[in-house]
Every structure is written in structure tokens, then in C-alpha cells.
């Protein structure tokens, strides 16, 4: 089921949305949401630094600083 949703999102995203080229960090403690968000952002062309905690996200961003901009939403 998950693969079917990811494939459908991929086809829709490629047709309807602009593609990204930047690296982004995604922080979410719910594993299923983190995985789905990462998959969707990858489909859109983003390099995703996915983390389950803010501390892990800070560590990942520190190791992968190139092309990464910070923002809060």
C-alpha cells in the first residue's frame, strides 16, 4: 500500500510541482510520517536529512553543511 501511495505521489509531483535542488532537514518523531515525508521530498528532488529528534537533526546538519539553509515552519 505504501509503495502504491509513494508511486502515485511521485507521478503527480513530477507533473504538477517544481523540483527542488537543495538539501533540507526534516524532523519528526513519528517514524511513518518521517519516512513518508522523506520519500515525498526525495521525489521532488531534495536531499533530505531526516531525523527523529532535534539533537539528531543538528548533528546531521553539522556533518552536511553544503547547500543547507535553516528555516522554521
N, C-alpha and C. Protein backbone atom coordinates (compact mmCIF):
# COMPACT_ATOMS: atom_id res chain seq x y z
N UNK A 1 0.83 -1.19 0.00
CA UNK A 1 0.00 0.00 0.00
C UNK A 1 0.88 1.26 0.00
N UNK A 2 1.91 1.27 0.86
CA UNK A 2 2.78 2.44 0.95
C UNK A 2 3.47 2.71 -0.37
N UNK A 3 3.96 1.64 -1.01
CA UNK A 3 4.65 1.80 -2.29
C UNK A 3 3.71 2.39 -3.34
N UNK A 4 2.45 1.97 -3.31
CA UNK A 4 1.46 2.47 -4.25
C UNK A 4 1.23 3.97 -4.05
N UNK A 5 1.14 4.40 -2.77
CA UNK A 5 0.95 5.82 -2.47
C UNK A 5 2.17 6.64 -2.89
N UNK A 6 3.36 6.12 -2.61
CA UNK A 6 4.59 6.83 -2.99
C UNK A 6 4.68 6.96 -4.51
N UNK A 7 4.32 5.89 -5.24
CA UNK A 7 4.36 5.94 -6.70
C UNK A 7 3.36 6.96 -7.25
N UNK A 8 2.16 6.96 -6.68
CA UNK A 8 1.14 7.92 -7.13
C UNK A 8 1.58 9.35 -6.84
N UNK A 9 2.14 9.57 -5.65
CA UNK A 9 2.62 10.90 -5.29
C UNK A 9 3.75 11.32 -6.22
N UNK A 10 4.60 10.38 -6.58
CA UNK A 10 5.73 10.66 -7.47
C UNK A 10 5.24 11.13 -8.83
N UNK A 11 4.29 10.41 -9.39
CA UNK A 11 3.78 10.77 -10.71
C UNK A 11 3.08 12.12 -10.69
N UNK A 12 2.30 12.37 -9.65
CA UNK A 12 1.60 13.64 -9.51
C UNK A 12 2.58 14.78 -9.30
N UNK A 13 3.56 14.58 -8.43
CA UNK A 13 4.52 15.62 -8.11
C UNK A 13 5.34 16.01 -9.33
N UNK A 14 5.77 15.05 -10.10
CA UNK A 14 6.59 15.34 -11.28
C UNK A 14 5.84 16.18 -12.30
N UNK A 15 4.54 15.96 -12.39
CA UNK A 15 3.74 16.70 -13.36
C UNK A 15 3.31 18.07 -12.87
N UNK A 16 3.08 18.23 -11.58
CA UNK A 16 2.43 19.43 -11.07
C UNK A 16 3.32 20.37 -10.26
N UNK A 17 4.45 19.92 -9.76
CA UNK A 17 5.23 20.73 -8.84
C UNK A 17 6.63 21.01 -9.37
N UNK A 18 7.15 22.18 -9.02
CA UNK A 18 8.55 22.45 -9.38
C UNK A 18 9.46 21.54 -8.58
N UNK A 19 10.60 21.21 -9.14
CA UNK A 19 11.54 20.32 -8.48
C UNK A 19 12.57 21.12 -7.68
N UNK A 20 12.97 20.58 -6.55
CA UNK A 20 13.96 21.23 -5.71
C UNK A 20 15.36 20.71 -5.99
N UNK A 21 16.33 21.47 -5.52
CA UNK A 21 17.72 21.04 -5.69
C UNK A 21 18.51 21.18 -4.39
N UNK A 22 17.87 21.72 -3.37
CA UNK A 22 18.57 21.98 -2.11
C UNK A 22 18.53 20.78 -1.17
N UNK A 23 19.30 20.90 -0.11
CA UNK A 23 19.24 19.94 0.99
C UNK A 23 18.33 20.53 2.06
N UNK A 24 17.46 19.70 2.61
CA UNK A 24 16.56 20.14 3.68
C UNK A 24 16.63 19.16 4.84
N UNK A 25 16.35 19.66 6.03
CA UNK A 25 16.26 18.76 7.17
C UNK A 25 14.79 18.58 7.51
N UNK A 26 14.45 17.37 7.90
CA UNK A 26 13.09 17.02 8.28
C UNK A 26 13.16 16.36 9.64
N UNK A 27 12.45 16.92 10.61
CA UNK A 27 12.47 16.38 11.98
C UNK A 27 11.06 15.96 12.34
N UNK A 28 10.90 14.69 12.68
CA UNK A 28 9.59 14.15 13.04
C UNK A 28 9.80 12.92 13.90
N UNK A 29 9.14 12.87 15.05
CA UNK A 29 9.34 11.72 15.94
C UNK A 29 8.48 10.51 15.57
N UNK A 30 7.48 10.70 14.75
CA UNK A 30 6.65 9.59 14.28
C UNK A 30 7.31 8.99 13.05
N UNK A 31 7.82 7.76 13.16
CA UNK A 31 8.64 7.15 12.12
C UNK A 31 7.94 7.08 10.76
N UNK A 32 6.67 6.69 10.76
CA UNK A 32 5.94 6.56 9.49
C UNK A 32 5.82 7.90 8.78
N UNK A 33 5.57 8.97 9.53
CA UNK A 33 5.46 10.30 8.94
C UNK A 33 6.83 10.77 8.44
N UNK A 34 7.87 10.49 9.21
CA UNK A 34 9.23 10.85 8.79
C UNK A 34 9.59 10.16 7.48
N UNK A 35 9.31 8.86 7.38
CA UNK A 35 9.62 8.11 6.16
C UNK A 35 8.83 8.62 4.97
N UNK A 36 7.54 8.89 5.16
CA UNK A 36 6.71 9.38 4.07
C UNK A 36 7.15 10.77 3.62
N UNK A 37 7.43 11.64 4.60
CA UNK A 37 7.90 12.99 4.27
C UNK A 37 9.22 12.96 3.51
N UNK A 38 10.12 12.11 3.95
CA UNK A 38 11.42 11.98 3.29
C UNK A 38 11.23 11.48 1.86
N UNK A 39 10.38 10.46 1.69
CA UNK A 39 10.15 9.91 0.35
C UNK A 39 9.55 10.97 -0.57
N UNK A 40 8.59 11.72 -0.08
CA UNK A 40 7.95 12.75 -0.90
C UNK A 40 8.95 13.85 -1.29
N UNK A 41 9.74 14.31 -0.33
CA UNK A 41 10.73 15.35 -0.63
C UNK A 41 11.81 14.84 -1.58
N UNK A 42 12.21 13.57 -1.45
CA UNK A 42 13.16 12.98 -2.41
C UNK A 42 12.58 12.97 -3.81
N UNK A 43 11.31 12.63 -3.92
CA UNK A 43 10.64 12.63 -5.22
C UNK A 43 10.69 14.01 -5.86
N UNK A 44 10.59 15.04 -5.02
CA UNK A 44 10.62 16.41 -5.51
C UNK A 44 12.03 16.91 -5.80
N UNK A 45 13.02 16.07 -5.56
CA UNK A 45 14.39 16.41 -5.92
C UNK A 45 15.26 16.91 -4.78
N UNK A 46 14.74 16.93 -3.57
CA UNK A 46 15.52 17.43 -2.43
C UNK A 46 16.38 16.33 -1.82
N UNK A 47 17.54 16.72 -1.35
CA UNK A 47 18.34 15.85 -0.50
C UNK A 47 17.78 16.04 0.91
N UNK A 48 17.36 14.97 1.55
CA UNK A 48 16.69 15.08 2.84
C UNK A 48 17.57 14.51 3.95
N UNK A 49 17.80 15.34 4.97
CA UNK A 49 18.47 14.91 6.18
C UNK A 49 17.36 14.65 7.20
N UNK A 50 16.96 13.39 7.34
CA UNK A 50 15.82 13.03 8.18
C UNK A 50 16.29 12.65 9.57
N UNK A 51 15.60 13.19 10.58
CA UNK A 51 15.97 12.92 11.97
C UNK A 51 14.72 12.78 12.82
N UNK A 52 14.83 11.96 13.87
CA UNK A 52 13.71 11.74 14.78
C UNK A 52 13.70 12.73 15.94
N UNK A 53 14.83 13.43 16.15
CA UNK A 53 14.91 14.40 17.26
C UNK A 53 15.65 15.65 16.79
N UNK A 54 15.41 16.78 17.46
CA UNK A 54 16.16 17.99 17.12
C UNK A 54 17.67 17.82 17.28
N UNK A 55 18.08 17.10 18.30
CA UNK A 55 19.51 16.88 18.53
C UNK A 55 20.13 16.12 17.37
N UNK A 56 19.45 15.10 16.89
CA UNK A 56 19.94 14.34 15.75
C UNK A 56 19.98 15.22 14.49
N UNK A 57 18.98 16.07 14.31
CA UNK A 57 18.95 16.97 13.15
C UNK A 57 20.13 17.93 13.17
N UNK A 58 20.44 18.50 14.31
CA UNK A 58 21.58 19.42 14.44
C UNK A 58 22.87 18.70 14.09
N UNK A 59 23.02 17.47 14.55
CA UNK A 59 24.21 16.68 14.25
C UNK A 59 24.32 16.42 12.74
N UNK A 60 23.22 16.03 12.12
CA UNK A 60 23.23 15.76 10.68
C UNK A 60 23.54 17.01 9.86
N UNK A 61 22.94 18.13 10.23
CA UNK A 61 23.20 19.38 9.51
C UNK A 61 24.65 19.79 9.67
N UNK A 62 25.20 19.60 10.87
CA UNK A 62 26.60 19.92 11.09
C UNK A 62 27.54 19.11 10.22
N UNK A 63 27.19 17.86 9.96
CA UNK A 63 28.01 16.99 9.12
C UNK A 63 27.81 17.26 7.63
N UNK A 64 26.69 17.88 7.27
CA UNK A 64 26.33 18.07 5.86
C UNK A 64 25.97 19.51 5.57
N UNK A 65 26.83 20.43 5.87
CA UNK A 65 26.52 21.86 5.77
C UNK A 65 26.33 22.38 4.36
N UNK A 66 26.90 21.76 3.36
CA UNK A 66 26.83 22.27 1.99
C UNK A 66 25.38 22.38 1.51
N UNK A 67 25.01 23.55 1.04
CA UNK A 67 23.70 23.74 0.44
C UNK A 67 22.52 23.71 1.40
N UNK A 68 22.79 23.76 2.68
CA UNK A 68 21.70 23.66 3.67
C UNK A 68 21.40 25.01 4.27
N UNK A 69 20.15 25.44 4.19
CA UNK A 69 19.72 26.68 4.81
C UNK A 69 18.73 26.37 5.92
N UNK A 70 18.80 27.11 6.99
CA UNK A 70 17.89 26.88 8.11
C UNK A 70 16.62 27.69 7.96
N UNK A 71 15.50 27.10 8.34
CA UNK A 71 14.24 27.83 8.42
C UNK A 71 13.32 27.07 9.37
N UNK A 72 12.39 27.78 9.98
CA UNK A 72 11.42 27.18 10.88
C UNK A 72 10.04 27.33 10.29
N UNK A 73 9.27 26.26 10.36
CA UNK A 73 7.87 26.30 9.87
C UNK A 73 6.97 25.67 10.89
